[in-house]
């Protein structure tokens, strides 16, 4: 039985992961659960999975839940508690903390986990080289949960085992649904509200990633993930609009043959794959070939989605630009969700910060957090003026 620790257990990915684990209790034992502050959901998870360790990052909520826990459960509180929780040993750690907040516990946990099932983009975007250097040092396996990167992992793995990758590979393609606003014109985007942006037609996700799906920043981040996970040059990573969210990635070979990874939009699929690998377990929805269906693909309109080129431009600079843009994106989305700015002001903020940031190399985690903090301050100053 494999011991599992779930970071971000009360979020969308964390809850889906526990649904997968709940159907496989003979294979997995949840030893630790961690949340930021959603103690109501956490208490129900504790009741079902009986972990030995619990972490609540928000100090006030941690003090509240402490009175409800059995004495056998060790409670970790606050930021320091999160770092101590990350030093617990596990067979598998599922990392579903959102944003840059995941980076420090991830880097700590790499030393103590045999496998990390990673659902966090921002850690790779801001510090991919640091993360994979640490994983190599401690021989820790990192498997992607992000549906597109997980799909590529499956396709590339199958191809390698079949020996057809050697010298025959040409390009990979990531699919993008375009989010809730895929059919809006550039002019119409200026007047969209929060409900419209969050009404994703195919996926049920957290608020930030749903907004990032509408700007396609998430797809630019996934290009960067692809680069770091598989060592594929940026020029060999393509993006195509695919509204149905059923084809998650494609691999193209030199003979123009394409292999595709296809399944209905259901996060339990990549989660289950990352937990069970190299075995497979029946999970989530199936395609129903007794009914008619079809898939569509269309090219990216870069004029409508200018942030793709800005983010990938920063990636190619290989400096602190990605740290800065990730922080700017997080702050701008918070402002938008708080009804303090328009949707299109997210574009303005990221373009402004990208044009103004001083270029420096990122050598260590301290550099990451320095430039993350710098960008948050500068972004807030800019948005407050708007």
Protein backbone atom coordinates (compact mmCIF):
# COMPACT_ATOMS: atom_id res chain seq x y z
CA UNK A 1 0.00 0.00 0.00
CA UNK A 2 1.44 3.36 -1.05
CA UNK A 3 1.50 6.28 1.39
CA UNK A 4 0.11 9.49 -0.13
CA UNK A 5 0.26 13.11 1.05
CA UNK A 6 -2.09 15.58 -0.63
CA UNK A 7 -1.10 19.25 -0.74
CA UNK A 8 -4.09 21.46 -1.56
CA UNK A 9 -6.57 18.73 -0.72
CA UNK A 10 -9.62 21.04 -0.58
CA UNK A 11 -9.14 22.58 -4.03
CA UNK A 12 -10.56 21.26 -7.30
CA UNK A 13 -7.62 18.97 -8.14
CA UNK A 14 -7.20 17.84 -4.53
CA UNK A 15 -10.85 16.85 -4.22
CA UNK A 16 -10.75 14.96 -7.53
CA UNK A 17 -7.58 13.19 -6.40
CA UNK A 18 -9.27 12.03 -3.22
CA UNK A 19 -12.20 10.70 -5.29
CA UNK A 20 -9.71 8.58 -7.24
CA UNK A 21 -7.95 7.46 -4.05
CA UNK A 22 -11.31 6.74 -2.37
CA UNK A 23 -12.04 4.10 -5.02
CA UNK A 24 -8.61 2.52 -4.45
CA UNK A 25 -8.30 2.39 -0.67
CA UNK A 26 -6.67 -1.01 -0.90
CA UNK A 27 -3.79 0.49 -2.91
CA UNK A 28 -3.32 3.87 -1.24
CA UNK A 29 -3.21 5.21 2.30
CA UNK A 30 -3.63 8.97 2.78
CA UNK A 31 -1.19 9.89 5.54
CA UNK A 32 -1.37 13.68 5.20
CA UNK A 33 -3.83 16.37 4.09
CA UNK A 34 -3.05 20.04 3.61
CA UNK A 35 -5.22 23.10 2.93
CA UNK A 36 -4.83 26.85 2.95
CA UNK A 37 -7.95 27.65 5.01
CA UNK A 38 -10.97 25.57 3.92
CA UNK A 39 -11.35 23.67 7.18
CA UNK A 40 -14.99 22.71 6.55
CA UNK A 41 -14.06 20.53 3.57
CA UNK A 42 -10.85 19.41 5.30
CA UNK A 43 -12.79 18.05 8.30
CA UNK A 44 -14.95 15.90 6.02
CA UNK A 45 -11.80 14.60 4.30
CA UNK A 46 -10.21 13.79 7.66
CA UNK A 47 -13.31 11.83 8.63
CA UNK A 48 -13.16 9.76 5.43
CA UNK A 49 -9.40 9.15 5.11
CA UNK A 50 -8.11 9.27 8.73
CA UNK A 51 -4.70 10.87 8.04
CA UNK A 52 -1.96 11.00 10.67
CA UNK A 53 -0.92 14.52 9.67
CA UNK A 54 -2.88 17.66 8.82
CA UNK A 55 -1.62 21.08 7.74
CA UNK A 56 -3.57 24.35 7.67
CA UNK A 57 -1.59 27.26 6.27
CA UNK A 58 -3.91 30.01 7.55
CA UNK A 59 -3.00 30.45 11.21
CA UNK A 60 -6.46 31.58 12.37
CA UNK A 61 -8.18 28.61 10.68
CA UNK A 62 -5.51 26.27 12.02
CA UNK A 63 -6.28 27.41 15.58
CA UNK A 64 -10.00 26.75 14.97
CA UNK A 65 -9.56 23.24 13.61
CA UNK A 66 -7.08 22.28 16.32
CA UNK A 67 -9.91 21.95 18.82
CA UNK A 68 -11.76 19.45 16.60
CA UNK A 69 -8.93 17.02 15.84
CA UNK A 70 -8.27 13.70 17.53
CA UNK A 71 -5.11 13.63 19.64
CA UNK A 72 -3.50 11.06 17.32
CA UNK A 73 -3.45 13.63 14.47
CA UNK A 74 -0.47 15.97 14.34
CA UNK A 75 -1.43 19.47 13.22
CA UNK A 76 0.99 21.73 11.30
CA UNK A 77 0.14 25.44 11.39
CA UNK A 78 1.02 28.44 9.26
CA UNK A 79 3.87 28.96 6.82
CA UNK A 80 6.45 27.28 9.04
CA UNK A 81 4.07 24.37 9.57
CA UNK A 82 3.68 23.97 5.80
CA UNK A 83 7.45 23.66 5.42
CA UNK A 84 7.59 21.05 8.21
CA UNK A 85 4.66 19.18 6.66
CA UNK A 86 6.55 19.15 3.33
CA UNK A 87 9.38 17.28 5.05
CA UNK A 88 7.19 14.24 5.75
CA UNK A 89 8.12 11.09 3.83
CA UNK A 90 5.73 9.59 1.27
CA UNK A 91 5.59 7.20 -1.65
CA UNK A 92 3.57 9.79 -3.58
CA UNK A 93 3.02 13.48 -2.88
CA UNK A 94 0.23 15.11 -4.86
CA UNK A 95 1.05 18.80 -5.23
CA UNK A 96 -2.12 20.79 -5.91
CA UNK A 97 -1.32 24.07 -4.12
CA UNK A 98 -2.11 26.92 -6.49
CA UNK A 99 0.23 29.70 -7.53
CA UNK A 100 3.82 30.42 -6.55
CA UNK A 101 2.96 29.35 -2.97
CA UNK A 102 3.62 25.78 -4.13
CA UNK A 103 7.29 26.35 -4.94
CA UNK A 104 8.86 26.24 -1.48
CA UNK A 105 6.99 23.15 -0.20
CA UNK A 106 7.64 21.46 -3.56
CA UNK A 107 11.40 22.01 -3.35
CA UNK A 108 11.42 20.77 0.25
CA UNK A 109 9.25 17.74 -0.49
CA UNK A 110 11.36 16.53 -3.42
CA UNK A 111 13.88 15.19 -0.89
CA UNK A 112 11.24 13.16 0.97
CA UNK A 113 8.92 11.82 -1.76
CA UNK A 114 9.58 8.95 -4.15
CA UNK A 115 7.14 10.41 -6.67
CA UNK A 116 5.52 13.82 -6.98
CA UNK A 117 2.27 14.09 -8.94
CA UNK A 118 2.46 17.77 -9.87
CA UNK A 119 -0.65 19.84 -10.63
CA UNK A 120 1.02 23.21 -10.23
CA UNK A 121 2.17 25.12 -13.35
CA UNK A 122 3.64 28.16 -11.64
CA UNK A 123 6.51 26.34 -9.91
CA UNK A 124 7.77 25.08 -13.27
CA UNK A 125 7.17 28.41 -15.01
CA UNK A 126 9.03 30.43 -12.38
CA UNK A 127 11.70 27.91 -11.40
CA UNK A 128 11.67 24.90 -13.73
CA UNK A 129 15.44 24.48 -13.81
CA UNK A 130 15.66 24.59 -9.99
CA UNK A 131 12.84 22.06 -9.57
CA UNK A 132 14.21 19.49 -12.02
CA UNK A 133 17.77 19.94 -10.79
CA UNK A 134 16.57 19.09 -7.27
CA UNK A 135 14.52 16.13 -8.53
CA UNK A 136 17.56 14.74 -10.34
CA UNK A 137 19.69 15.18 -7.23
CA UNK A 138 17.34 13.10 -5.06
CA UNK A 139 16.16 10.70 -7.82
CA UNK A 140 12.56 11.84 -7.31
CA UNK A 141 10.10 11.11 -10.10
CA UNK A 142 7.88 14.04 -11.13
CA UNK A 143 4.76 13.18 -13.12
CA UNK A 144 2.52 15.93 -14.54
CA UNK A 145 -1.17 16.07 -13.69
CA UNK A 146 -1.95 19.00 -15.98
CA UNK A 147 -4.09 17.26 -18.64
CA UNK A 148 -2.10 18.40 -21.69
CA UNK A 149 1.34 17.71 -20.21
CA UNK A 150 0.12 14.40 -18.81
CA UNK A 151 -1.17 13.50 -22.29
CA UNK A 152 2.22 14.29 -23.79
CA UNK A 153 3.91 12.18 -21.12
CA UNK A 154 1.72 9.26 -22.16
CA UNK A 155 2.31 9.75 -25.89
CA UNK A 156 6.06 10.23 -25.60
CA UNK A 157 6.36 7.27 -23.24
CA UNK A 158 4.48 5.00 -25.63
CA UNK A 159 6.60 6.23 -28.54
CA UNK A 160 9.87 5.72 -26.68
CA UNK A 161 8.96 2.18 -25.68
CA UNK A 162 8.07 1.48 -29.28
CA UNK A 163 11.39 2.97 -30.45
CA UNK A 164 9.64 5.30 -32.91
CA UNK A 165 10.87 8.51 -31.22
CA UNK A 166 14.49 7.99 -32.26
CA UNK A 167 15.16 10.43 -35.09
CA UNK A 168 11.53 10.37 -36.19
CA UNK A 169 10.07 13.06 -33.96
CA UNK A 170 9.08 16.42 -35.47
CA UNK A 171 6.76 18.39 -33.18
CA UNK A 172 4.21 18.26 -30.35
CA UNK A 173 0.91 20.12 -30.17
CA UNK A 174 -0.97 21.29 -27.09
CA UNK A 175 -4.69 21.87 -27.47
CA UNK A 176 -6.47 24.91 -26.03
CA UNK A 177 -10.22 25.16 -25.50
CA UNK A 178 -10.03 28.95 -25.56
CA UNK A 179 -12.05 29.08 -22.36
CA UNK A 180 -15.44 30.72 -22.00
CA UNK A 181 -14.60 33.58 -24.34
CA UNK A 182 -13.30 31.65 -27.33
CA UNK A 183 -16.04 32.97 -29.65
CA UNK A 184 -15.84 36.59 -28.46
CA UNK A 185 -14.24 39.22 -30.67
CA UNK A 186 -11.35 41.27 -29.37
CA UNK A 187 -13.69 44.28 -29.11
CA UNK A 188 -16.27 42.31 -27.10
CA UNK A 189 -13.69 41.27 -24.48
CA UNK A 190 -13.62 44.81 -23.07
CA UNK A 191 -17.10 44.41 -21.57
CA UNK A 192 -17.12 40.86 -20.19
CA UNK A 193 -17.87 40.23 -16.51
CA UNK A 194 -16.65 37.68 -13.99
CA UNK A 195 -19.55 35.25 -14.53
CA UNK A 196 -18.90 35.18 -18.26
CA UNK A 197 -15.18 34.51 -17.82
CA UNK A 198 -15.70 31.74 -15.24
CA UNK A 199 -18.36 29.92 -17.29
CA UNK A 200 -15.90 27.47 -18.85
CA UNK A 201 -17.84 25.25 -21.28
CA UNK A 202 -15.90 22.01 -20.81
CA UNK A 203 -13.83 22.04 -17.58
CA UNK A 204 -14.65 22.65 -13.92
CA UNK A 205 -11.53 24.27 -12.48
CA UNK A 206 -10.30 26.81 -9.95
CA UNK A 207 -10.98 30.47 -10.63
CA UNK A 208 -7.43 31.49 -11.53
CA UNK A 209 -6.85 28.78 -14.11
CA UNK A 210 -10.29 29.45 -15.59
CA UNK A 211 -9.35 33.11 -16.13
CA UNK A 212 -5.96 31.99 -17.51
CA UNK A 213 -7.86 29.76 -19.94
CA UNK A 214 -9.70 32.81 -21.24
CA UNK A 215 -6.49 34.82 -21.79
CA UNK A 216 -4.59 31.67 -22.90
CA UNK A 217 -1.83 32.48 -20.42
CA UNK A 218 -2.32 28.93 -19.13
CA UNK A 219 -1.43 27.57 -22.59
CA UNK A 220 1.75 29.64 -22.73
CA UNK A 221 2.61 28.27 -19.28
CA UNK A 222 2.00 24.74 -20.57
CA UNK A 223 4.44 25.34 -23.43
CA UNK A 224 7.03 26.18 -20.78
CA UNK A 225 6.09 23.06 -18.79
CA UNK A 226 6.53 20.99 -21.95
CA UNK A 227 9.97 22.47 -22.50
CA UNK A 228 11.14 21.61 -18.97
CA UNK A 229 9.47 18.20 -18.62
CA UNK A 230 10.64 16.81 -21.96
CA UNK A 231 13.52 19.05 -23.08
CA UNK A 232 11.65 19.94 -26.29
CA UNK A 233 12.76 23.22 -27.95
CA UNK A 234 10.14 25.98 -27.97
CA UNK A 235 10.10 25.98 -31.79
CA UNK A 236 8.87 22.37 -31.74
CA UNK A 237 5.89 23.03 -29.47
CA UNK A 238 2.69 24.14 -31.19
CA UNK A 239 -0.74 25.23 -29.95
CA UNK A 240 -4.11 24.66 -31.62
CA UNK A 241 -7.61 25.70 -30.58
CA UNK A 242 -9.78 22.67 -29.83
CA UNK A 243 -13.08 23.70 -28.22
CA UNK A 244 -14.23 20.22 -27.23
CA UNK A 245 -11.30 19.60 -24.80
CA UNK A 246 -11.23 15.90 -25.74
CA UNK A 247 -7.93 15.75 -27.64
CA UNK A 248 -5.38 16.84 -25.06
CA UNK A 249 -2.12 16.66 -26.98
CA UNK A 250 -0.62 15.33 -30.20
CA UNK A 251 2.82 14.13 -31.26
CA UNK A 252 3.85 14.55 -34.90
CA UNK A 253 6.48 12.43 -36.65
CA UNK A 254 8.59 13.16 -39.72
CA UNK A 255 6.32 11.07 -41.94
CA UNK A 256 3.44 13.46 -41.04
CA UNK A 257 1.80 10.86 -38.80
CA UNK A 258 0.08 12.20 -35.66
CA UNK A 259 -0.57 10.33 -32.42
CA UNK A 260 -3.27 11.84 -30.20
CA UNK A 261 -4.26 11.34 -26.56
CA UNK A 262 -8.06 11.49 -26.35
CA UNK A 263 -10.48 11.29 -23.44
CA UNK A 264 -13.48 13.34 -22.20
CA UNK A 265 -12.55 16.42 -20.10
CA UNK A 266 -12.24 14.85 -16.67
CA UNK A 267 -9.31 15.58 -14.33
CA UNK A 268 -9.67 12.17 -12.70
CA UNK A 269 -8.01 10.68 -15.80
CA UNK A 270 -4.57 12.35 -15.53
CA UNK A 271 -4.70 12.17 -11.72
CA UNK A 272 -5.34 8.43 -11.84
CA UNK A 273 -2.56 7.95 -14.38
CA UNK A 274 -0.03 9.83 -12.23
CA UNK A 275 -0.98 7.86 -9.10
CA UNK A 276 -1.08 4.38 -10.70
CA UNK A 277 1.74 4.71 -13.26
CA UNK A 278 3.02 2.50 -14.86
CA UNK A 279 -0.25 0.59 -14.36
CA UNK A 280 -3.61 1.97 -15.45
CA UNK A 281 -6.89 2.05 -13.56
CA UNK A 282 -10.41 2.48 -14.94
CA UNK A 283 -11.45 6.01 -13.94
CA UNK A 284 -13.62 8.87 -15.14
CA UNK A 285 -15.80 9.06 -18.25
CA UNK A 286 -15.51 7.05 -21.46
CA UNK A 287 -16.09 8.10 -25.05
CA UNK A 288 -19.40 6.75 -26.26
CA UNK A 289 -19.05 5.55 -29.85
CA UNK A 290 -22.72 4.60 -29.98
CA UNK A 291 -23.44 8.32 -30.39
CA UNK A 292 -22.20 10.71 -33.08
CA UNK A 293 -19.57 13.31 -32.20
CA UNK A 294 -16.87 15.27 -33.97
CA UNK A 295 -13.83 17.37 -33.07
CA UNK A 296 -12.66 20.68 -34.47
CA UNK A 297 -9.26 22.37 -34.63
CA UNK A 298 -8.38 25.93 -35.58
CA UNK A 299 -5.24 28.10 -35.52
CA UNK A 300 -4.45 30.55 -32.74
CA UNK A 301 -5.35 34.20 -33.35
CA UNK A 302 -2.31 35.82 -31.72
CA UNK A 303 -3.83 39.28 -32.12
CA UNK A 304 -6.69 38.19 -29.83
CA UNK A 305 -4.33 36.38 -27.44
CA UNK A 306 -1.24 38.65 -27.24
CA UNK A 307 -0.16 37.32 -23.83
CA UNK A 308 1.01 34.03 -25.38
CA UNK A 309 3.81 35.79 -27.25
CA UNK A 310 4.66 37.96 -24.23
CA UNK A 311 5.01 34.95 -21.90
CA UNK A 312 6.96 32.88 -24.42
CA UNK A 313 9.15 35.89 -25.18
CA UNK A 314 10.05 36.00 -21.50
CA UNK A 315 10.76 32.25 -21.50
CA UNK A 316 13.24 32.60 -24.34
CA UNK A 317 15.08 35.39 -22.53
CA UNK A 318 15.97 32.92 -19.74
CA UNK A 319 15.97 35.61 -17.07
CA UNK A 320 13.58 36.73 -14.30
CA UNK A 321 10.85 37.60 -16.79
CA UNK A 322 8.71 34.52 -16.15
CA UNK A 323 8.81 35.08 -12.39
CA UNK A 324 7.70 38.66 -12.94
CA UNK A 325 4.91 37.79 -15.38
CA UNK A 326 3.57 34.97 -13.23
CA UNK A 327 3.33 37.30 -10.22
CA UNK A 328 1.73 40.02 -12.34
CA UNK A 329 -0.82 37.52 -13.67
CA UNK A 330 -1.77 36.35 -10.15
CA UNK A 331 -2.22 39.92 -8.88
CA UNK A 332 -4.16 41.10 -11.94
CA UNK A 333 -6.54 38.12 -11.74
CA UNK A 334 -7.15 38.83 -8.04
CA UNK A 335 -8.00 42.42 -8.93
CA UNK A 336 -10.34 41.27 -11.71
CA UNK A 337 -12.11 38.72 -9.49
CA UNK A 338 -12.42 41.44 -6.86
CA UNK A 339 -14.15 43.65 -9.47
CA UNK A 340 -11.43 46.28 -9.26
CA UNK A 341 -10.37 46.16 -12.93
CA UNK A 342 -11.75 45.08 -16.30
CA UNK A 343 -10.87 41.76 -17.90
CA UNK A 344 -8.76 43.49 -20.57
CA UNK A 345 -6.77 45.27 -17.84
CA UNK A 346 -5.07 41.91 -17.18
CA UNK A 347 -3.55 42.24 -20.67
CA UNK A 348 -2.53 45.85 -20.02
CA UNK A 349 -0.85 45.02 -16.70
CA UNK A 350 1.20 42.13 -18.07
CA UNK A 351 2.28 44.06 -21.17
CA UNK A 352 3.27 47.03 -18.99
CA UNK A 353 5.27 44.97 -16.48
CA UNK A 354 6.96 43.01 -19.28
CA UNK A 355 8.14 46.23 -20.91
CA UNK A 356 9.48 47.67 -17.64
CA UNK A 357 11.11 44.87 -15.64
CA UNK A 358 14.91 44.96 -15.15
CA UNK A 359 16.46 41.81 -16.58
CA UNK A 360 18.43 39.61 -14.16
CA UNK A 361 19.43 35.95 -14.00
CA UNK A 362 17.60 33.73 -11.50
CA UNK A 363 20.20 31.67 -9.66
CA UNK A 364 18.30 30.36 -6.64
CA UNK A 365 14.97 30.32 -4.83
CA UNK A 366 15.74 33.61 -3.07
CA UNK A 367 15.98 35.30 -6.48
CA UNK A 368 12.60 33.83 -7.42
CA UNK A 369 10.86 35.24 -4.35
CA UNK A 370 12.65 38.59 -4.61
CA UNK A 371 11.40 39.19 -8.15
CA UNK A 372 8.01 37.72 -7.34
CA UNK A 373 7.59 40.30 -4.56
CA UNK A 374 8.97 43.10 -6.76
CA UNK A 375 6.46 42.30 -9.51
CA UNK A 376 3.52 42.15 -7.11
CA UNK A 377 4.32 45.61 -5.75
CA UNK A 378 4.79 47.10 -9.24
CA UNK A 379 1.62 45.44 -10.56
CA UNK A 380 -0.49 46.72 -7.68
CA UNK A 381 0.91 50.25 -8.19
CA UNK A 382 0.01 50.09 -11.88
CA UNK A 383 -3.47 48.64 -11.35
CA UNK A 384 -4.29 51.12 -8.59
CA UNK A 385 -3.52 53.93 -11.04
CA UNK A 386 -5.89 52.31 -13.55
